[in-house]
Every structure is written in structure tokens, then in C-alpha cells.
Amino acid sequence: MKPLFKVSLLAATVMLAVGCQKEETPKTEVAPQVEQVQAEAEKAVHFKTDEDKAAYAFGLYFAKNIESSIEGSTEIGIELKKELVLQGIEDVFADTEKLTDDELRLALENFEKIVGEKMQAKAEADAAAALKVGDDFRAEFETQEGVVKTDSGLLYQVMTPAEGDKPAKTDTVEVHYVGTLIDGTKFDSSYDRDSTATFPLDRVIPGWTEGVQLMPVGSKFKFVIPPELAYGAQDTPTIPANSTLVFEVELISIDNGEVLEAPAETPAAE
């Protein structure tokens, strides 16, 4: 697991401290014109030296990273209070730390454990939700005209019929394709690369191995692949765990010569 805190907490909270202090400062009412001038003046920062500018940039960089970390914590149900972050930095500057080095280390280790548990729980909940919405999507797709369901649960629909040869499992095929999640998010496309993909049919996900064998050369099919025939519980940056996948595939040729190109991610080998 990657730690949420990717940068020095000490440097990052300098900028948080500034932000919190501004929020807590009482604001007096002023005329709109004066208020605007005052706001613009506050935004203006004059750097006497390059070192001053570098120091400010350093603070901005770390503040943006720590802000991202706090937001990431919130997304998994952990609240990191900015006022306590501020208190920690102030205590360091005042030499009044309320935790020993051992207590600090233990607190961070406990936090990492909590993060791990929260992330695991969220991953399990997301995976369960993906199964449910995938089931619902396939059930609806199955009712559409021309959709066929195989014994394995693979769903397909002929978009462009053809009369060409069909590949065997051991053949190498050349295809054009686009792959999306059920919400329409595109995660891979040979069309976008402006280049067909060529690969052995028995080295890709089961849904592809089975489905492309049903296709005559020159045809185009739409496949809806349940997770057990795709990537299952495997979670990737572009394909969440237990995802039902949608592919539109055009079979260009059966090419049993040299493999020219394998898709970068999908339909990757199992």
C-alpha cells in the first residue's frame, strides 16, 4: 500500500497553518471597492531574492501534496483535522511537542494500519457493488434484440455480419477493438492508436478467447463479458475489480505468422 503522506508533514503544514490562521481571523466589514483592493493586495507576494521565491514555492508544493492526502483520507472515511496539523507544526517551532519520538512513530504506524483497513473495506464494498451493477447491466443487455448468451455467460450481438472463416483457439488474429466499462468509460482502443492488434487467441482473457472464435473474418461483434471471463477480482487503475466489460471487436484477419502487436492492457493475458 502506498502511504498517504508522500511528502514531509512538517513542510506541508506550514502552508496549512497560514490557511487556518486566515480562516480564524475576524473579518471587518469594508466597502466593496476597498475589500477588492485589499484582497488583491493580499494576493500580491513580493520576493526580495530567488531564495525567498524558492522558499514560497517549496511551501506551495508541499501544501498541495498534503491537501491531496487529506482529501484522500476523507474519501476512505478518515478525518484529519487541519487545526491539529497546525498545532503540531506550531509545537515543533515552539519546542513544545506533546509526543515523544517513540509516540510519534507509534501514532504514524497506527495511522497506516487504520488506512490499510479502511482501504480494504472500501475495496471490498466497491467490488461487491461492481458485481451488482454488472449483473443488472448484463440482464438488461440480454433482453436486447439479437443478443445471444453462451453457456459460459458471455453475451454477444452481431453488429456487422460476414461470411469469412472463423478462427480456432490456437490461431493468431488481427483485430480492431474498443473496450469500455458499463458506464461508457473507455479504457482501451486500437482505433485510438490507429493500429490493429495481432495476438494469439489462446493468450487473452477467456471472454475474448471464446467470443472471437464465433466471429467470421470481416464481421464486427459487441461482447459483454462478465468478470469471471475477464479480470475477476483483479483491480487495476483503469479496470476496477469485478467489472463487467464491453467490447466492440472487428475481426480483420486470421494471421498465424509473426505476432505484430499485443494490446498494452486489454485484452491482456490472464
Protein backbone atom coordinates (compact mmCIF):
# COMPACT_ATOMS: atom_id res chain seq x y z
CA MET A 1 0.00 0.00 0.00
CA LYS A 2 1.29 3.45 -0.85
CA PRO A 3 1.39 5.76 2.18
CA LEU A 4 -1.00 8.67 2.08
CA PHE A 5 1.72 11.07 3.16
CA LYS A 6 4.10 11.33 0.23
CA VAL A 7 5.92 14.41 1.45
CA SER A 8 7.30 15.94 4.64
CA LEU A 9 4.45 16.69 7.03
CA LEU A 10 6.49 19.45 8.60
CA ALA A 11 6.97 21.42 5.38
CA ALA A 12 3.44 20.77 4.17
CA THR A 13 1.71 22.06 7.28
CA VAL A 14 3.47 25.40 7.08
CA MET A 15 1.07 26.37 4.33
CA LEU A 16 -1.87 24.76 6.11
CA ALA A 17 -1.05 26.86 9.14
CA VAL A 18 -1.27 30.01 7.06
CA GLY A 19 -4.62 28.92 5.66
CA CYS A 20 -6.10 28.06 9.04
CA GLN A 21 -4.95 31.30 10.61
CA LYS A 22 -6.59 33.32 7.84
CA GLU A 23 -9.85 31.47 8.34
CA GLU A 24 -9.85 32.21 12.06
CA THR A 25 -9.10 35.95 11.70
CA PRO A 26 -12.27 38.03 12.24
CA LYS A 27 -13.23 39.94 9.11
CA THR A 28 -14.39 43.53 9.44
CA GLU A 29 -16.91 44.97 7.04
CA VAL A 30 -15.43 47.28 4.44
CA ALA A 31 -16.75 48.95 1.35
CA PRO A 32 -16.79 46.63 -1.72
CA GLN A 33 -14.15 48.69 -3.53
CA VAL A 34 -11.82 48.71 -0.52
CA GLU A 35 -12.41 45.00 0.05
CA GLN A 36 -11.45 44.24 -3.54
CA VAL A 37 -8.24 46.28 -3.32
CA GLN A 38 -7.39 44.64 -0.01
CA ALA A 39 -7.94 41.14 -1.44
CA GLU A 40 -5.71 41.91 -4.42
CA ALA A 41 -3.03 43.30 -2.12
CA GLU A 42 -3.11 40.17 0.00
CA LYS A 43 -2.62 38.05 -3.10
CA ALA A 44 0.45 40.02 -4.13
CA VAL A 45 3.64 38.47 -2.77
CA HIS A 46 6.91 40.33 -3.26
CA PHE A 47 10.06 38.23 -3.21
CA LYS A 48 13.28 40.05 -2.40
CA THR A 49 15.52 37.18 -3.53
CA ASP A 50 15.37 33.99 -5.53
CA GLU A 51 15.75 32.14 -2.24
CA ASP A 52 12.56 33.79 -0.99
CA LYS A 53 10.69 32.69 -4.09
CA ALA A 54 12.08 29.17 -3.79
CA ALA A 55 11.00 29.02 -0.14
CA TYR A 56 7.48 30.07 -1.09
CA ALA A 57 7.36 27.60 -3.97
CA PHE A 58 8.59 24.87 -1.64
CA GLY A 59 5.72 25.61 0.74
CA LEU A 60 3.18 25.61 -2.08
CA TYR A 61 4.43 22.29 -3.41
CA PHE A 62 4.19 20.53 -0.08
CA ALA A 63 0.89 22.16 0.83
CA LYS A 64 -0.73 20.92 -2.38
CA ASN A 65 0.51 17.41 -1.69
CA ILE A 66 -0.66 17.36 1.90
CA GLU A 67 -4.04 18.79 0.87
CA SER A 68 -4.38 15.93 -1.61
CA SER A 69 -3.51 13.48 1.14
CA ILE A 70 -6.13 14.92 3.49
CA GLU A 71 -8.76 14.75 0.74
CA GLY A 72 -7.75 11.15 0.03
CA SER A 73 -8.17 10.31 3.71
CA THR A 74 -11.66 11.81 3.70
CA GLU A 75 -12.64 9.65 0.75
CA ILE A 76 -11.98 6.50 2.76
CA GLY A 77 -13.67 7.78 5.90
CA ILE A 78 -10.74 9.23 7.85
CA GLU A 79 -10.86 12.80 9.15
CA LEU A 80 -7.55 14.60 9.57
CA LYS A 81 -8.27 17.88 11.34
CA LYS A 82 -6.32 20.82 9.96
CA GLU A 83 -6.30 22.54 13.33
CA LEU A 84 -4.39 19.61 14.83
CA VAL A 85 -1.97 19.62 11.92
CA LEU A 86 -1.46 23.31 12.64
CA GLN A 87 -0.96 22.62 16.35
CA GLY A 88 1.69 20.04 15.55
CA ILE A 89 3.74 22.45 13.44
CA GLU A 90 3.41 25.24 15.98
CA ASP A 91 4.57 22.90 18.77
CA VAL A 92 7.65 21.96 16.77
CA PHE A 93 8.58 25.61 16.27
CA ALA A 94 7.94 26.34 19.97
CA ASP A 95 9.78 23.21 21.08
CA THR A 96 6.69 22.04 22.97
CA GLU A 97 5.96 18.75 21.23
CA LYS A 98 3.35 16.69 23.05
CA LEU A 99 4.56 13.34 21.65
CA THR A 100 7.92 11.70 22.15
CA ASP A 101 9.75 10.31 19.14
CA ASP A 102 8.56 6.82 20.04
CA GLU A 103 4.97 8.02 20.45
CA LEU A 104 5.21 9.82 17.11
CA ARG A 105 6.43 6.68 15.37
CA LEU A 106 3.69 4.58 17.00
CA ALA A 107 0.99 7.09 16.05
CA LEU A 108 2.05 7.03 12.41
CA GLU A 109 2.25 3.23 12.39
CA ASN A 110 -1.26 3.03 13.86
CA PHE A 111 -2.48 5.50 11.27
CA GLU A 112 -1.03 3.42 8.46
CA LYS A 113 -2.81 0.38 9.87
CA ILE A 114 -6.12 2.27 10.00
CA VAL A 115 -5.65 3.44 6.41
CA GLY A 116 -4.99 -0.12 5.31
CA GLU A 117 -8.15 -1.39 7.00
CA LYS A 118 -10.26 1.42 5.57
CA MET A 119 -8.91 0.92 2.06
CA GLN A 120 -9.50 -2.84 2.26
CA ALA A 121 -13.08 -2.30 3.42
CA LYS A 122 -13.70 0.23 0.66
CA ALA A 123 -12.20 -2.08 -1.96
CA GLU A 124 -14.45 -4.93 -0.83
CA ALA A 125 -17.53 -2.69 -0.87
CA ASP A 126 -16.68 -1.35 -4.32
CA ALA A 127 -16.10 -4.87 -5.65
CA ALA A 128 -19.45 -6.04 -4.30
CA ALA A 129 -21.18 -3.02 -5.83
CA ALA A 130 -19.48 -3.67 -9.17
CA LEU A 131 -20.84 -7.22 -9.18
CA LYS A 132 -24.38 -5.97 -8.59
CA VAL A 133 -24.38 -3.26 -11.25
CA GLY A 134 -22.66 -5.65 -13.68
CA ASP A 135 -25.34 -8.28 -13.12
CA ASP A 136 -28.05 -5.69 -13.71
CA PHE A 137 -26.36 -4.40 -16.86
CA ARG A 138 -25.99 -7.87 -18.37
CA ALA A 139 -29.58 -8.77 -17.51
CA GLU A 140 -30.78 -5.68 -19.39
CA PHE A 141 -28.43 -6.21 -22.33
CA GLU A 142 -29.60 -9.81 -22.67
CA THR A 143 -33.11 -8.57 -23.46
CA GLN A 144 -31.95 -6.54 -26.47
CA GLU A 145 -32.69 -7.76 -29.97
CA GLY A 146 -30.15 -10.17 -31.43
CA VAL A 147 -28.24 -10.76 -28.19
CA VAL A 148 -27.03 -14.34 -27.66
CA LYS A 149 -25.87 -15.79 -24.35
CA THR A 150 -23.42 -18.69 -24.34
CA ASP A 151 -23.21 -21.43 -21.72
CA SER A 152 -20.31 -19.61 -20.03
CA GLY A 153 -22.34 -16.42 -19.58
CA LEU A 154 -20.71 -14.49 -22.44
CA LEU A 155 -23.13 -12.17 -24.23
CA TYR A 156 -22.67 -11.08 -27.82
CA GLN A 157 -24.50 -9.18 -30.52
CA VAL A 158 -23.62 -9.18 -34.21
CA MET A 159 -23.09 -5.61 -35.37
CA THR A 160 -21.73 -6.34 -38.86
CA PRO A 161 -22.31 -9.84 -40.24
CA ALA A 162 -19.84 -11.55 -42.60
CA GLU A 163 -19.24 -14.92 -44.28
CA GLY A 164 -15.50 -15.32 -43.74
CA ASP A 165 -13.55 -18.06 -41.96
CA LYS A 166 -13.70 -18.34 -38.18
CA PRO A 167 -10.52 -18.64 -36.11
CA ALA A 168 -9.63 -21.58 -33.90
CA LYS A 169 -8.44 -21.17 -30.31
CA THR A 170 -4.85 -21.76 -31.36
CA ASP A 171 -4.93 -19.18 -34.17
CA THR A 172 -3.42 -15.71 -34.14
CA VAL A 173 -5.89 -12.98 -35.05
CA GLU A 174 -5.74 -9.39 -36.22
CA VAL A 175 -8.46 -7.17 -34.79
CA HIS A 176 -9.63 -3.64 -34.24
CA TYR A 177 -11.47 -3.07 -30.98
CA VAL A 178 -12.62 -0.66 -28.30
CA GLY A 179 -13.16 -1.62 -24.68
CA THR A 180 -15.33 0.23 -22.16
CA LEU A 181 -16.74 -0.17 -18.69
CA ILE A 182 -20.50 -0.44 -18.43
CA ASP A 183 -20.77 3.30 -17.73
CA GLY A 184 -19.15 4.02 -21.08
CA THR A 185 -15.67 4.84 -19.76
CA LYS A 186 -13.18 3.83 -22.42
CA PHE A 187 -10.08 2.03 -21.13
CA ASP A 188 -8.52 0.75 -24.34
CA SER A 189 -8.89 1.19 -28.10
CA SER A 190 -6.85 0.07 -31.08
CA TYR A 191 -8.74 2.68 -33.10
CA ASP A 192 -7.27 5.43 -30.94
CA ARG A 193 -3.80 4.05 -31.62
CA ASP A 194 -4.66 3.92 -35.33
CA SER A 195 -3.20 0.43 -35.47
CA THR A 196 -4.75 -3.03 -35.41
CA ALA A 197 -3.72 -5.53 -32.73
CA THR A 198 -2.41 -9.00 -33.50
CA PHE A 199 -2.12 -11.72 -30.86
CA PRO A 200 -2.61 -15.45 -30.19
CA LEU A 201 -6.23 -16.09 -29.31
CA ASP A 202 -5.38 -18.50 -26.50
CA ARG A 203 -3.35 -15.88 -24.59
CA VAL A 204 -6.08 -13.38 -23.81
CA ILE A 205 -8.94 -13.18 -21.33
CA PRO A 206 -11.40 -16.10 -21.59
CA GLY A 207 -14.21 -13.89 -22.87
CA TRP A 208 -12.09 -12.93 -25.86
CA THR A 209 -10.83 -16.45 -26.49
CA GLU A 210 -14.38 -17.76 -26.63
CA GLY A 211 -16.01 -14.80 -28.34
CA VAL A 212 -13.62 -14.18 -31.22
CA GLN A 213 -13.90 -17.84 -32.25
CA LEU A 214 -17.55 -17.09 -33.03
CA MET A 215 -16.63 -14.31 -35.46
CA PRO A 216 -16.21 -14.73 -39.24
CA VAL A 217 -13.41 -12.65 -40.74
CA GLY A 218 -14.82 -9.26 -41.71
CA SER A 219 -17.52 -9.25 -39.03
CA LYS A 220 -17.94 -6.93 -36.07
CA PHE A 221 -19.38 -8.12 -32.78
CA LYS A 222 -20.29 -6.49 -29.49
CA PHE A 223 -19.32 -8.55 -26.46
CA VAL A 224 -20.48 -8.06 -22.88
CA ILE A 225 -18.11 -10.06 -20.71
CA PRO A 226 -18.87 -10.97 -17.08
CA PRO A 227 -15.99 -10.54 -14.60
CA GLU A 228 -15.32 -14.27 -14.32
CA LEU A 229 -14.46 -14.26 -18.04
CA ALA A 230 -12.46 -11.02 -17.78
CA TYR A 231 -10.26 -9.89 -14.87
CA GLY A 232 -12.37 -11.12 -11.96
CA ALA A 233 -11.41 -9.61 -8.60
CA GLN A 234 -8.19 -8.11 -10.00
CA ASP A 235 -8.19 -4.35 -9.50
CA THR A 236 -6.27 -2.10 -11.91
CA PRO A 237 -6.10 1.68 -12.32
CA THR A 238 -8.41 1.51 -15.35
CA ILE A 239 -10.49 -1.61 -14.67
CA PRO A 240 -11.99 -1.91 -11.17
CA ALA A 241 -12.38 -5.30 -9.52
CA ASN A 242 -15.36 -7.43 -10.62
CA SER A 243 -16.03 -5.25 -13.66
CA THR A 244 -18.29 -6.34 -16.48
CA LEU A 245 -16.55 -5.28 -19.69
CA VAL A 246 -17.97 -4.20 -23.04
CA PHE A 247 -16.00 -4.69 -26.26
CA GLU A 248 -16.75 -3.90 -29.85
CA VAL A 249 -14.46 -6.12 -31.92
CA GLU A 250 -13.82 -6.19 -35.65
CA LEU A 251 -12.04 -9.32 -36.91
CA ILE A 252 -9.67 -8.18 -39.67
CA SER A 253 -7.87 -11.42 -40.44
CA ILE A 254 -6.54 -14.72 -39.18
CA ASP A 255 -2.79 -14.24 -39.14
CA ASN A 256 -0.72 -17.20 -37.99
CA GLY A 257 2.59 -15.56 -38.82
CA GLU A 258 4.62 -13.31 -36.54
CA VAL A 259 2.69 -11.51 -33.79
CA LEU A 260 2.89 -7.86 -34.77
CA GLU A 261 1.41 -6.19 -31.72
CA ALA A 262 -0.18 -7.13 -28.43
CA PRO A 263 -2.59 -4.72 -26.76
CA ALA A 264 -0.99 -2.79 -23.91
CA GLU A 265 -3.56 -3.83 -21.32
CA THR A 266 -6.68 -5.31 -22.84
CA PRO A 267 -7.40 -7.99 -23.79
CA ALA A 268 -4.24 -8.97 -21.95
CA ALA A 269 -3.21 -12.45 -21.00
CA GLU A 270 -4.84 -13.91 -17.93
